[in-house]
């Protein structure tokens, strides 16, 4: 009996080792002329790095209940997609994808619960996940991030780009960005340290908003919150105009300006420096507002 048990155990271990080896990824495809790299991974993680040559390389491991990896090309688009059985509940589906791709190609990632980490790319990014976190480095190309409950972190080099980020309960942190920003969350916090913003709108229902940035000439910075606090530090406040209003919260400012009674029991603040062509508008219902220069 012991011999049979030992044999069974040994066979099981051998089979498990063979399956683990089979699930390890080491794939590549020629990407010359490819304009878009699309990655699909339902759960687990996706790590993407840029490279200087025209090859897509995929490493990592597949979840034990997945059906394999599809690495294919359709015209100027290369698809890296984990394959799943129909009607599966999703157990043991987590896959780890490490993708190295041409830095000049656009990136599209679709996921449900995978965490996404992107670096070294210089083209457009479209990143979507439901409960996973998103961490990305941006250059001068447009970027769009969407998640429901995951957090988002963006780092840049103060190169002008169009950035869009949306979440329900996740937080957003952005540093070193410039150009245009449209960020919204329901209960998450928004924290932004930027270079020069040409047009920016940040909105949250119950989360706090903190911004430190310079507003471009004829540019605008708009911040809206229902119950969260809003704090903004304006770099180079020459030619700036500020409008701030709250229904029941307070307004504090470092500028040589005084607040007035706003709508309801709240306060309002309006002033301008010089030409006033750099616009800052702050609206909060019950949160407090702080607006200063550097």
C-alpha atoms as a PDB file:
ATOM      1  CA  UNK A   1       0.000   0.000   0.000  1.00  0.00           C
ATOM      2  CA  UNK A   2       2.840   2.371   0.843  1.00  0.00           C
ATOM      3  CA  UNK A   3       4.445   1.667  -2.519  1.00  0.00           C
ATOM      4  CA  UNK A   4       1.244   2.528  -4.337  1.00  0.00           C
ATOM      5  CA  UNK A   5       0.798   5.677  -2.272  1.00  0.00           C
ATOM      6  CA  UNK A   6       4.393   6.724  -2.903  1.00  0.00           C
ATOM      7  CA  UNK A   7       4.050   6.046  -6.609  1.00  0.00           C
ATOM      8  CA  UNK A   8       0.801   8.014  -6.764  1.00  0.00           C
ATOM      9  CA  UNK A   9       2.375  10.938  -4.913  1.00  0.00           C
ATOM     10  CA  UNK A  10       5.433  10.882  -7.136  1.00  0.00           C
ATOM     11  CA  UNK A  11       3.290  10.734 -10.282  1.00  0.00           C
ATOM     12  CA  UNK A  12       1.203  13.645  -9.042  1.00  0.00           C
ATOM     13  CA  UNK A  13       4.290  15.732  -8.328  1.00  0.00           C
ATOM     14  CA  UNK A  14       5.707  14.899 -11.746  1.00  0.00           C
ATOM     15  CA  UNK A  15       2.445  15.817 -13.462  1.00  0.00           C
ATOM     16  CA  UNK A  16       2.209  19.095 -11.518  1.00  0.00           C
ATOM     17  CA  UNK A  17       5.777  19.982 -12.478  1.00  0.00           C
ATOM     18  CA  UNK A  18       5.049  19.255 -16.123  1.00  0.00           C
ATOM     19  CA  UNK A  19       1.904  21.427 -16.010  1.00  0.00           C
ATOM     20  CA  UNK A  20       3.808  24.263 -14.322  1.00  0.00           C
ATOM     21  CA  UNK A  21       6.478  24.096 -16.999  1.00  0.00           C
ATOM     22  CA  UNK A  22       3.829  24.043 -19.717  1.00  0.00           C
ATOM     23  CA  UNK A  23       2.159  27.137 -18.209  1.00  0.00           C
ATOM     24  CA  UNK A  24       5.393  29.181 -18.324  1.00  0.00           C
ATOM     25  CA  UNK A  25       5.470  31.679 -21.199  1.00  0.00           C
ATOM     26  CA  UNK A  26       8.309  32.520 -23.566  1.00  0.00           C
ATOM     27  CA  UNK A  27       6.789  33.779 -26.816  1.00  0.00           C
ATOM     28  CA  UNK A  28       7.723  36.409 -29.393  1.00  0.00           C
ATOM     29  CA  UNK A  29       6.404  37.819 -32.650  1.00  0.00           C
ATOM     30  CA  UNK A  30       7.771  40.169 -35.308  1.00  0.00           C
ATOM     31  CA  UNK A  31       6.229  43.617 -34.815  1.00  0.00           C
ATOM     32  CA  UNK A  32       7.718  45.499 -37.770  1.00  0.00           C
ATOM     33  CA  UNK A  33       5.104  47.998 -38.974  1.00  0.00           C
ATOM     34  CA  UNK A  34       2.710  47.251 -36.113  1.00  0.00           C
ATOM     35  CA  UNK A  35       0.931  50.357 -34.809  1.00  0.00           C
ATOM     36  CA  UNK A  36      -1.153  48.904 -31.942  1.00  0.00           C
ATOM     37  CA  UNK A  37      -0.380  46.249 -29.336  1.00  0.00           C
ATOM     38  CA  UNK A  38      -3.524  44.947 -27.593  1.00  0.00           C
ATOM     39  CA  UNK A  39      -3.298  42.895 -24.388  1.00  0.00           C
ATOM     40  CA  UNK A  40      -6.186  40.979 -22.791  1.00  0.00           C
ATOM     41  CA  UNK A  41      -5.773  39.368 -19.356  1.00  0.00           C
ATOM     42  CA  UNK A  42      -8.816  38.851 -17.160  1.00  0.00           C
ATOM     43  CA  UNK A  43      -6.995  38.637 -13.813  1.00  0.00           C
ATOM     44  CA  UNK A  44      -3.511  38.588 -12.362  1.00  0.00           C
ATOM     45  CA  UNK A  45      -1.084  41.215 -13.634  1.00  0.00           C
ATOM     46  CA  UNK A  46       0.169  42.873 -16.814  1.00  0.00           C
ATOM     47  CA  UNK A  47       3.611  44.499 -16.914  1.00  0.00           C
ATOM     48  CA  UNK A  48       4.581  46.309 -20.126  1.00  0.00           C
ATOM     49  CA  UNK A  49       7.957  47.814 -20.986  1.00  0.00           C
ATOM     50  CA  UNK A  50       9.111  49.582 -24.130  1.00  0.00           C
ATOM     51  CA  UNK A  51      11.962  48.407 -26.337  1.00  0.00           C
ATOM     52  CA  UNK A  52      13.848  49.913 -29.273  1.00  0.00           C
ATOM     53  CA  UNK A  53      13.464  47.057 -31.786  1.00  0.00           C
ATOM     54  CA  UNK A  54      10.399  45.704 -33.634  1.00  0.00           C
ATOM     55  CA  UNK A  55       9.596  42.633 -31.560  1.00  0.00           C
ATOM     56  CA  UNK A  56       6.907  41.755 -29.020  1.00  0.00           C
ATOM     57  CA  UNK A  57       8.176  39.368 -26.342  1.00  0.00           C
ATOM     58  CA  UNK A  58       5.844  37.745 -23.803  1.00  0.00           C
ATOM     59  CA  UNK A  59       6.970  35.960 -20.649  1.00  0.00           C
ATOM     60  CA  UNK A  60       5.273  35.041 -17.383  1.00  0.00           C
ATOM     61  CA  UNK A  61       2.860  32.307 -16.335  1.00  0.00           C
ATOM     62  CA  UNK A  62      -0.712  31.325 -17.198  1.00  0.00           C
ATOM     63  CA  UNK A  63      -3.436  30.492 -14.694  1.00  0.00           C
ATOM     64  CA  UNK A  64      -3.933  26.735 -14.312  1.00  0.00           C
ATOM     65  CA  UNK A  65      -7.500  26.819 -15.674  1.00  0.00           C
ATOM     66  CA  UNK A  66      -6.782  28.964 -18.716  1.00  0.00           C
ATOM     67  CA  UNK A  67      -6.654  27.484 -22.208  1.00  0.00           C
ATOM     68  CA  UNK A  68      -3.446  29.124 -23.356  1.00  0.00           C
ATOM     69  CA  UNK A  69      -2.144  32.346 -24.880  1.00  0.00           C
ATOM     70  CA  UNK A  70      -3.119  33.783 -28.243  1.00  0.00           C
ATOM     71  CA  UNK A  71      -0.270  35.800 -29.816  1.00  0.00           C
ATOM     72  CA  UNK A  72      -1.311  36.840 -33.291  1.00  0.00           C
ATOM     73  CA  UNK A  73      -1.154  39.659 -35.809  1.00  0.00           C
ATOM     74  CA  UNK A  74      -3.988  41.230 -37.781  1.00  0.00           C
ATOM     75  CA  UNK A  75      -2.671  43.893 -40.115  1.00  0.00           C
ATOM     76  CA  UNK A  76      -1.060  46.636 -38.054  1.00  0.00           C
ATOM     77  CA  UNK A  77      -2.416  45.231 -34.754  1.00  0.00           C
ATOM     78  CA  UNK A  78      -0.803  42.569 -32.585  1.00  0.00           C
ATOM     79  CA  UNK A  79      -3.013  40.836 -30.000  1.00  0.00           C
ATOM     80  CA  UNK A  80      -1.707  39.200 -26.825  1.00  0.00           C
ATOM     81  CA  UNK A  81      -4.702  37.491 -25.201  1.00  0.00           C
ATOM     82  CA  UNK A  82      -5.119  34.858 -22.497  1.00  0.00           C
ATOM     83  CA  UNK A  83      -7.739  32.314 -23.589  1.00  0.00           C
ATOM     84  CA  UNK A  84     -10.474  31.138 -21.181  1.00  0.00           C
ATOM     85  CA  UNK A  85     -13.021  28.290 -21.239  1.00  0.00           C
ATOM     86  CA  UNK A  86     -16.613  29.332 -21.869  1.00  0.00           C
ATOM     87  CA  UNK A  87     -18.770  29.810 -18.800  1.00  0.00           C
ATOM     88  CA  UNK A  88     -15.906  29.390 -16.350  1.00  0.00           C
ATOM     89  CA  UNK A  89     -16.332  31.012 -12.943  1.00  0.00           C
ATOM     90  CA  UNK A  90     -12.872  32.516 -13.101  1.00  0.00           C
ATOM     91  CA  UNK A  91     -11.167  30.440 -10.372  1.00  0.00           C
ATOM     92  CA  UNK A  92      -7.459  29.776 -10.915  1.00  0.00           C
ATOM     93  CA  UNK A  93      -7.456  32.130 -13.880  1.00  0.00           C
ATOM     94  CA  UNK A  94      -4.860  34.632 -12.653  1.00  0.00           C
ATOM     95  CA  UNK A  95      -2.077  34.989 -15.192  1.00  0.00           C
ATOM     96  CA  UNK A  96       1.140  36.997 -15.053  1.00  0.00           C
ATOM     97  CA  UNK A  97       1.993  38.642 -18.371  1.00  0.00           C
ATOM     98  CA  UNK A  98       5.294  40.441 -18.895  1.00  0.00           C
ATOM     99  CA  UNK A  99       5.200  42.090 -22.313  1.00  0.00           C
ATOM    100  CA  UNK A 100       8.101  43.895 -23.967  1.00  0.00           C
ATOM    101  CA  UNK A 101       6.940  45.874 -27.014  1.00  0.00           C
ATOM    102  CA  UNK A 102       8.112  48.581 -29.445  1.00  0.00           C
ATOM    103  CA  UNK A 103       8.085  51.883 -27.549  1.00  0.00           C
ATOM    104  CA  UNK A 104       6.604  53.744 -30.546  1.00  0.00           C
ATOM    105  CA  UNK A 105       3.478  51.554 -30.834  1.00  0.00           C
ATOM    106  CA  UNK A 106       0.135  52.387 -29.218  1.00  0.00           C
ATOM    107  CA  UNK A 107      -0.962  50.208 -26.299  1.00  0.00           C
ATOM    108  CA  UNK A 108      -4.440  48.919 -25.432  1.00  0.00           C
ATOM    109  CA  UNK A 109      -4.987  46.801 -22.292  1.00  0.00           C
ATOM    110  CA  UNK A 110      -8.311  45.264 -21.237  1.00  0.00           C
ATOM    111  CA  UNK A 111      -8.766  43.474 -17.929  1.00  0.00           C
ATOM    112  CA  UNK A 112     -11.171  42.782 -15.073  1.00  0.00           C
ATOM    113  CA  UNK A 113      -9.037  42.419 -11.957  1.00  0.00           C
ATOM    114  CA  UNK A 114      -5.445  42.469 -13.186  1.00  0.00           C
ATOM    115  CA  UNK A 115      -3.002  45.116 -11.986  1.00  0.00           C
ATOM    116  CA  UNK A 116      -1.350  47.065 -14.816  1.00  0.00           C
ATOM    117  CA  UNK A 117       2.159  48.539 -14.772  1.00  0.00           C
ATOM    118  CA  UNK A 118       3.450  50.384 -17.853  1.00  0.00           C
ATOM    119  CA  UNK A 119       6.829  52.025 -18.504  1.00  0.00           C
ATOM    120  CA  UNK A 120       9.116  53.074 -21.313  1.00  0.00           C
ATOM    121  CA  UNK A 121       6.450  53.824 -23.939  1.00  0.00           C
ATOM    122  CA  UNK A 122       6.205  56.953 -26.062  1.00  0.00           C
ATOM    123  CA  UNK A 123       2.870  56.450 -27.845  1.00  0.00           C
ATOM    124  CA  UNK A 124      -0.813  56.421 -26.866  1.00  0.00           C
ATOM    125  CA  UNK A 125      -2.144  54.255 -24.035  1.00  0.00           C
ATOM    126  CA  UNK A 126      -5.700  52.995 -23.425  1.00  0.00           C
ATOM    127  CA  UNK A 127      -5.771  51.091 -20.136  1.00  0.00           C
ATOM    128  CA  UNK A 128      -8.950  49.539 -18.722  1.00  0.00           C
ATOM    129  CA  UNK A 129      -9.471  47.391 -15.626  1.00  0.00           C
ATOM    130  CA  UNK A 130     -12.293  47.040 -13.103  1.00  0.00           C
ATOM    131  CA  UNK A 131     -10.718  46.254  -9.749  1.00  0.00           C
ATOM    132  CA  UNK A 132      -7.013  46.311 -10.588  1.00  0.00           C
ATOM    133  CA  UNK A 133      -4.556  49.139 -10.002  1.00  0.00           C
ATOM    134  CA  UNK A 134      -2.924  51.081 -12.847  1.00  0.00           C
ATOM    135  CA  UNK A 135       0.614  52.453 -12.716  1.00  0.00           C
ATOM    136  CA  UNK A 136       1.930  54.128 -15.862  1.00  0.00           C
ATOM    137  CA  UNK A 137       4.668  56.452 -17.090  1.00  0.00           C
ATOM    138  CA  UNK A 138       3.639  58.901 -19.825  1.00  0.00           C
ATOM    139  CA  UNK A 139       5.422  61.019 -22.404  1.00  0.00           C
ATOM    140  CA  UNK A 140       3.894  63.419 -24.958  1.00  0.00           C
ATOM    141  CA  UNK A 141       1.189  61.045 -26.267  1.00  0.00           C
ATOM    142  CA  UNK A 142      -2.459  60.805 -25.184  1.00  0.00           C
ATOM    143  CA  UNK A 143      -3.366  58.480 -22.312  1.00  0.00           C
ATOM    144  CA  UNK A 144      -6.758  57.210 -21.105  1.00  0.00           C
ATOM    145  CA  UNK A 145      -7.143  55.247 -17.861  1.00  0.00           C
ATOM    146  CA  UNK A 146     -10.340  53.659 -16.556  1.00  0.00           C
ATOM    147  CA  UNK A 147     -10.943  51.598 -13.423  1.00  0.00           C
ATOM    148  CA  UNK A 148     -13.796  51.097 -10.961  1.00  0.00           C
ATOM    149  CA  UNK A 149     -12.178  50.363  -7.610  1.00  0.00           C
ATOM    150  CA  UNK A 150      -8.470  50.324  -8.412  1.00  0.00           C
ATOM    151  CA  UNK A 151      -6.009  53.131  -7.766  1.00  0.00           C
ATOM    152  CA  UNK A 152      -4.192  54.991 -10.539  1.00  0.00           C
ATOM    153  CA  UNK A 153      -0.670  56.436 -10.493  1.00  0.00           C
ATOM    154  CA  UNK A 154       0.768  58.501 -13.368  1.00  0.00           C
ATOM    155  CA  UNK A 155       4.304  59.833 -13.689  1.00  0.00           C
ATOM    156  CA  UNK A 156       5.631  61.998 -16.505  1.00  0.00           C
ATOM    157  CA  UNK A 157       8.411  64.318 -17.639  1.00  0.00           C
ATOM    158  CA  UNK A 158       6.327  67.499 -17.885  1.00  0.00           C
ATOM    159  CA  UNK A 159       5.756  66.865 -21.595  1.00  0.00           C
ATOM    160  CA  UNK A 160       2.426  68.135 -22.945  1.00  0.00           C
ATOM    161  CA  UNK A 161      -0.201  65.430 -23.494  1.00  0.00           C
ATOM    162  CA  UNK A 162      -3.937  64.807 -23.201  1.00  0.00           C
ATOM    163  CA  UNK A 163      -4.642  62.696 -20.120  1.00  0.00           C
ATOM    164  CA  UNK A 164      -8.021  61.239 -19.129  1.00  0.00           C
ATOM    165  CA  UNK A 165      -8.541  59.219 -15.939  1.00  0.00           C
ATOM    166  CA  UNK A 166     -11.776  57.939 -14.397  1.00  0.00           C
ATOM    167  CA  UNK A 167     -12.503  55.824 -11.329  1.00  0.00           C
ATOM    168  CA  UNK A 168     -15.400  55.205  -8.946  1.00  0.00           C
ATOM    169  CA  UNK A 169     -13.687  54.528  -5.620  1.00  0.00           C
ATOM    170  CA  UNK A 170     -10.012  54.455  -6.527  1.00  0.00           C
ATOM    171  CA  UNK A 171      -7.502  57.232  -5.862  1.00  0.00           C
ATOM    172  CA  UNK A 172      -5.522  59.061  -8.548  1.00  0.00           C
ATOM    173  CA  UNK A 173      -1.995  60.341  -8.080  1.00  0.00           C
ATOM    174  CA  UNK A 174      -0.225  62.164 -10.923  1.00  0.00           C
ATOM    175  CA  UNK A 175       3.212  63.797 -10.966  1.00  0.00           C
ATOM    176  CA  UNK A 176       5.238  65.395 -13.737  1.00  0.00           C
ATOM    177  CA  UNK A 177       2.319  65.735 -16.159  1.00  0.00           C
ATOM    178  CA  UNK A 178       1.507  68.696 -18.416  1.00  0.00           C
ATOM    179  CA  UNK A 179      -0.951  69.743 -21.114  1.00  0.00           C
ATOM    180  CA  UNK A 180      -4.577  68.698 -20.639  1.00  0.00           C
ATOM    181  CA  UNK A 181      -6.055  66.658 -17.794  1.00  0.00           C
ATOM    182  CA  UNK A 182      -9.583  65.363 -17.245  1.00  0.00           C
ATOM    183  CA  UNK A 183      -9.823  63.328 -14.027  1.00  0.00           C
ATOM    184  CA  UNK A 184     -12.934  62.184 -12.181  1.00  0.00           C
ATOM    185  CA  UNK A 185     -13.706  59.903  -9.260  1.00  0.00           C
ATOM    186  CA  UNK A 186     -16.693  59.355  -6.985  1.00  0.00           C
ATOM    187  CA  UNK A 187     -15.143  58.647  -3.599  1.00  0.00           C
ATOM    188  CA  UNK A 188     -11.443  58.531  -4.361  1.00  0.00           C
ATOM    189  CA  UNK A 189      -8.913  61.297  -3.760  1.00  0.00           C
ATOM    190  CA  UNK A 190      -7.160  63.216  -6.556  1.00  0.00           C
ATOM    191  CA  UNK A 191      -3.571  64.395  -6.027  1.00  0.00           C
ATOM    192  CA  UNK A 192      -1.777  66.150  -8.888  1.00  0.00           C
ATOM    193  CA  UNK A 193       1.652  67.758  -9.115  1.00  0.00           C
ATOM    194  CA  UNK A 194       1.965  69.121 -12.634  1.00  0.00           C
ATOM    195  CA  UNK A 195       4.031  71.339 -14.831  1.00  0.00           C
ATOM    196  CA  UNK A 196       2.067  73.703 -17.083  1.00  0.00           C
ATOM    197  CA  UNK A 197      -1.595  72.822 -17.564  1.00  0.00           C
ATOM    198  CA  UNK A 198      -3.385  74.221 -20.605  1.00  0.00           C
ATOM    199  CA  UNK A 199      -6.789  72.885 -19.571  1.00  0.00           C
ATOM    200  CA  UNK A 200      -7.609  70.740 -16.584  1.00  0.00           C
ATOM    201  CA  UNK A 201     -10.785  69.575 -14.883  1.00  0.00           C
ATOM    202  CA  UNK A 202     -10.766  67.499 -11.697  1.00  0.00           C
ATOM    203  CA  UNK A 203     -13.996  66.293 -10.116  1.00  0.00           C
ATOM    204  CA  UNK A 204     -14.854  64.182  -7.085  1.00  0.00           C
ATOM    205  CA  UNK A 205     -18.039  63.612  -5.113  1.00  0.00           C
ATOM    206  CA  UNK A 206     -16.684  62.783  -1.648  1.00  0.00           C
ATOM    207  CA  UNK A 207     -12.942  62.573  -2.219  1.00  0.00           C
ATOM    208  CA  UNK A 208     -10.404  65.336  -1.616  1.00  0.00           C
ATOM    209  CA  UNK A 209      -8.611  67.205  -4.421  1.00  0.00           C
ATOM    210  CA  UNK A 210      -5.047  68.514  -4.143  1.00  0.00           C
ATOM    211  CA  UNK A 211      -3.323  70.251  -7.053  1.00  0.00           C
ATOM    212  CA  UNK A 212       0.002  72.008  -7.488  1.00  0.00           C
ATOM    213  CA  UNK A 213       0.520  73.347 -11.027  1.00  0.00           C
ATOM    214  CA  UNK A 214       1.161  76.276 -13.306  1.00  0.00           C
ATOM    215  CA  UNK A 215      -1.708  77.397 -15.522  1.00  0.00           C
ATOM    216  CA  UNK A 216      -0.812  78.259 -19.103  1.00  0.00           C
ATOM    217  CA  UNK A 217      -1.628  81.627 -20.632  1.00  0.00           C
ATOM    218  CA  UNK A 218      -5.328  81.557 -21.588  1.00  0.00           C
ATOM    219  CA  UNK A 219      -5.516  78.212 -19.797  1.00  0.00           C
ATOM    220  CA  UNK A 220      -8.005  76.999 -17.191  1.00  0.00           C
ATOM    221  CA  UNK A 221      -7.986  74.831 -14.085  1.00  0.00           C
ATOM    222  CA  UNK A 222     -11.373  73.717 -12.750  1.00  0.00           C
ATOM    223  CA  UNK A 223     -11.880  71.692  -9.547  1.00  0.00           C
ATOM    224  CA  UNK A 224     -15.267  70.461  -8.336  1.00  0.00           C
ATOM    225  CA  UNK A 225     -16.181  68.476  -5.223  1.00  0.00           C
ATOM    226  CA  UNK A 226     -19.417  67.831  -3.363  1.00  0.00           C
ATOM    227  CA  UNK A 227     -18.220  66.993   0.153  1.00  0.00           C
ATOM    228  CA  UNK A 228     -14.460  66.690  -0.243  1.00  0.00           C
ATOM    229  CA  UNK A 229     -11.888  69.386   0.488  1.00  0.00           C
ATOM    230  CA  UNK A 230     -10.049  71.190  -2.314  1.00  0.00           C
ATOM    231  CA  UNK A 231      -6.520  72.589  -2.015  1.00  0.00           C
ATOM    232  CA  UNK A 232      -4.601  74.229  -4.856  1.00  0.00           C
ATOM    233  CA  UNK A 233      -1.153  75.830  -5.074  1.00  0.00           C
ATOM    234  CA  UNK A 234      -0.642  77.911  -8.223  1.00  0.00           C
ATOM    235  CA  UNK A 235       2.912  78.205  -9.529  1.00  0.00           C
ATOM    236  CA  UNK A 236       3.625  81.635 -11.070  1.00  0.00           C
ATOM    237  CA  UNK A 237       0.431  83.446 -10.150  1.00  0.00           C
ATOM    238  CA  UNK A 238       0.994  86.382 -12.513  1.00  0.00           C
ATOM    239  CA  UNK A 239      -2.066  87.172 -14.647  1.00  0.00           C
ATOM    240  CA  UNK A 240      -4.238  84.739 -12.731  1.00  0.00           C
ATOM    241  CA  UNK A 241      -7.937  85.018 -11.961  1.00  0.00           C
ATOM    242  CA  UNK A 242      -9.509  82.956  -9.168  1.00  0.00           C
ATOM    243  CA  UNK A 243     -13.146  82.127  -8.480  1.00  0.00           C
ATOM    244  CA  UNK A 244     -13.907  79.914  -5.484  1.00  0.00           C
ATOM    245  CA  UNK A 245     -17.277  79.130  -3.951  1.00  0.00           C
ATOM    246  CA  UNK A 246     -18.590  76.782  -1.281  1.00  0.00           C
ATOM    247  CA  UNK A 247     -22.054  76.286   0.147  1.00  0.00           C
ATOM    248  CA  UNK A 248     -21.214  75.324   3.739  1.00  0.00           C
ATOM    249  CA  UNK A 249     -17.432  75.019   3.859  1.00  0.00           C
ATOM    250  CA  UNK A 250     -14.744  77.616   4.459  1.00  0.00           C
ATOM    251  CA  UNK A 251     -12.280  79.263   2.067  1.00  0.00           C
ATOM    252  CA  UNK A 252      -8.708  80.154   3.012  1.00  0.00           C
ATOM    253  CA  UNK A 253      -6.236  81.936   0.735  1.00  0.00           C
ATOM    254  CA  UNK A 254      -2.628  83.101   0.741  1.00  0.00           C
ATOM    255  CA  UNK A 255      -3.419  85.801  -1.830  1.00  0.00           C
ATOM    256  CA  UNK A 256      -4.088  89.386  -0.862  1.00  0.00           C
ATOM    257  CA  UNK A 257      -7.834  88.950  -1.153  1.00  0.00           C
ATOM    258  CA  UNK A 258     -10.777  88.569   1.194  1.00  0.00           C
ATOM    259  CA  UNK A 259     -13.618  86.088   1.111  1.00  0.00           C
ATOM    260  CA  UNK A 260     -17.265  87.124   1.014  1.00  0.00           C
ATOM    261  CA  UNK A 261     -20.447  85.383   2.014  1.00  0.00           C
ATOM    262  CA  UNK A 262     -21.287  82.899  -0.729  1.00  0.00           C
ATOM    263  CA  UNK A 263     -24.522  81.149  -1.573  1.00  0.00           C
ATOM    264  CA  UNK A 264     -25.954  79.743   1.687  1.00  0.00           C
ATOM    265  CA  UNK A 265     -23.775  79.795   4.835  1.00  0.00           C
ATOM    266  CA  UNK A 266     -20.601  79.255   2.822  1.00  0.00           C
ATOM    267  CA  UNK A 267     -18.050  81.662   1.388  1.00  0.00           C
ATOM    268  CA  UNK A 268     -16.872  82.942  -1.982  1.00  0.00           C
ATOM    269  CA  UNK A 269     -13.612  84.360  -3.280  1.00  0.00           C
ATOM    270  CA  UNK A 270     -12.975  86.332  -6.462  1.00  0.00           C
ATOM    271  CA  UNK A 271      -9.848  88.194  -7.513  1.00  0.00           C
ATOM    272  CA  UNK A 272      -7.458  88.684 -10.428  1.00  0.00           C
ATOM    273  CA  UNK A 273      -3.825  89.544 -10.965  1.00  0.00           C
ATOM    274  CA  UNK A 274      -2.722  91.501 -14.028  1.00  0.00           C
ATOM    275  CA  UNK A 275      -4.474  90.388 -17.217  1.00  0.00           C
ATOM    276  CA  UNK A 276      -6.262  87.567 -15.434  1.00  0.00           C
ATOM    277  CA  UNK A 277      -6.113  85.265 -18.467  1.00  0.00           C
ATOM    278  CA  UNK A 278      -5.090  82.216 -16.424  1.00  0.00           C
ATOM    279  CA  UNK A 279      -8.304  80.933 -14.885  1.00  0.00           C
ATOM    280  CA  UNK A 280      -8.699  78.925 -11.671  1.00  0.00           C
ATOM    281  CA  UNK A 281     -12.229  77.924 -10.616  1.00  0.00           C
ATOM    282  CA  UNK A 282     -13.058  75.966  -7.458  1.00  0.00           C
ATOM    283  CA  UNK A 283     -16.507  74.756  -6.426  1.00  0.00           C
ATOM    284  CA  UNK A 284     -17.376  72.720  -3.355  1.00  0.00           C
ATOM    285  CA  UNK A 285     -20.698  72.113  -1.644  1.00  0.00           C
ATOM    286  CA  UNK A 286     -19.704  71.185   1.906  1.00  0.00           C
ATOM    287  CA  UNK A 287     -15.936  70.808   1.698  1.00  0.00           C
ATOM    288  CA  UNK A 288     -13.320  73.381   2.628  1.00  0.00           C
ATOM    289  CA  UNK A 289     -11.173  75.222   0.066  1.00  0.00           C
ATOM    290  CA  UNK A 290      -7.575  76.436   0.257  1.00  0.00           C
ATOM    291  CA  UNK A 291      -5.998  78.394  -2.618  1.00  0.00           C
ATOM    292  CA  UNK A 292      -2.431  79.738  -2.531  1.00  0.00           C
ATOM    293  CA  UNK A 293       0.530  80.611  -4.704  1.00  0.00           C
ATOM    294  CA  UNK A 294       3.992  79.143  -4.390  1.00  0.00           C
END
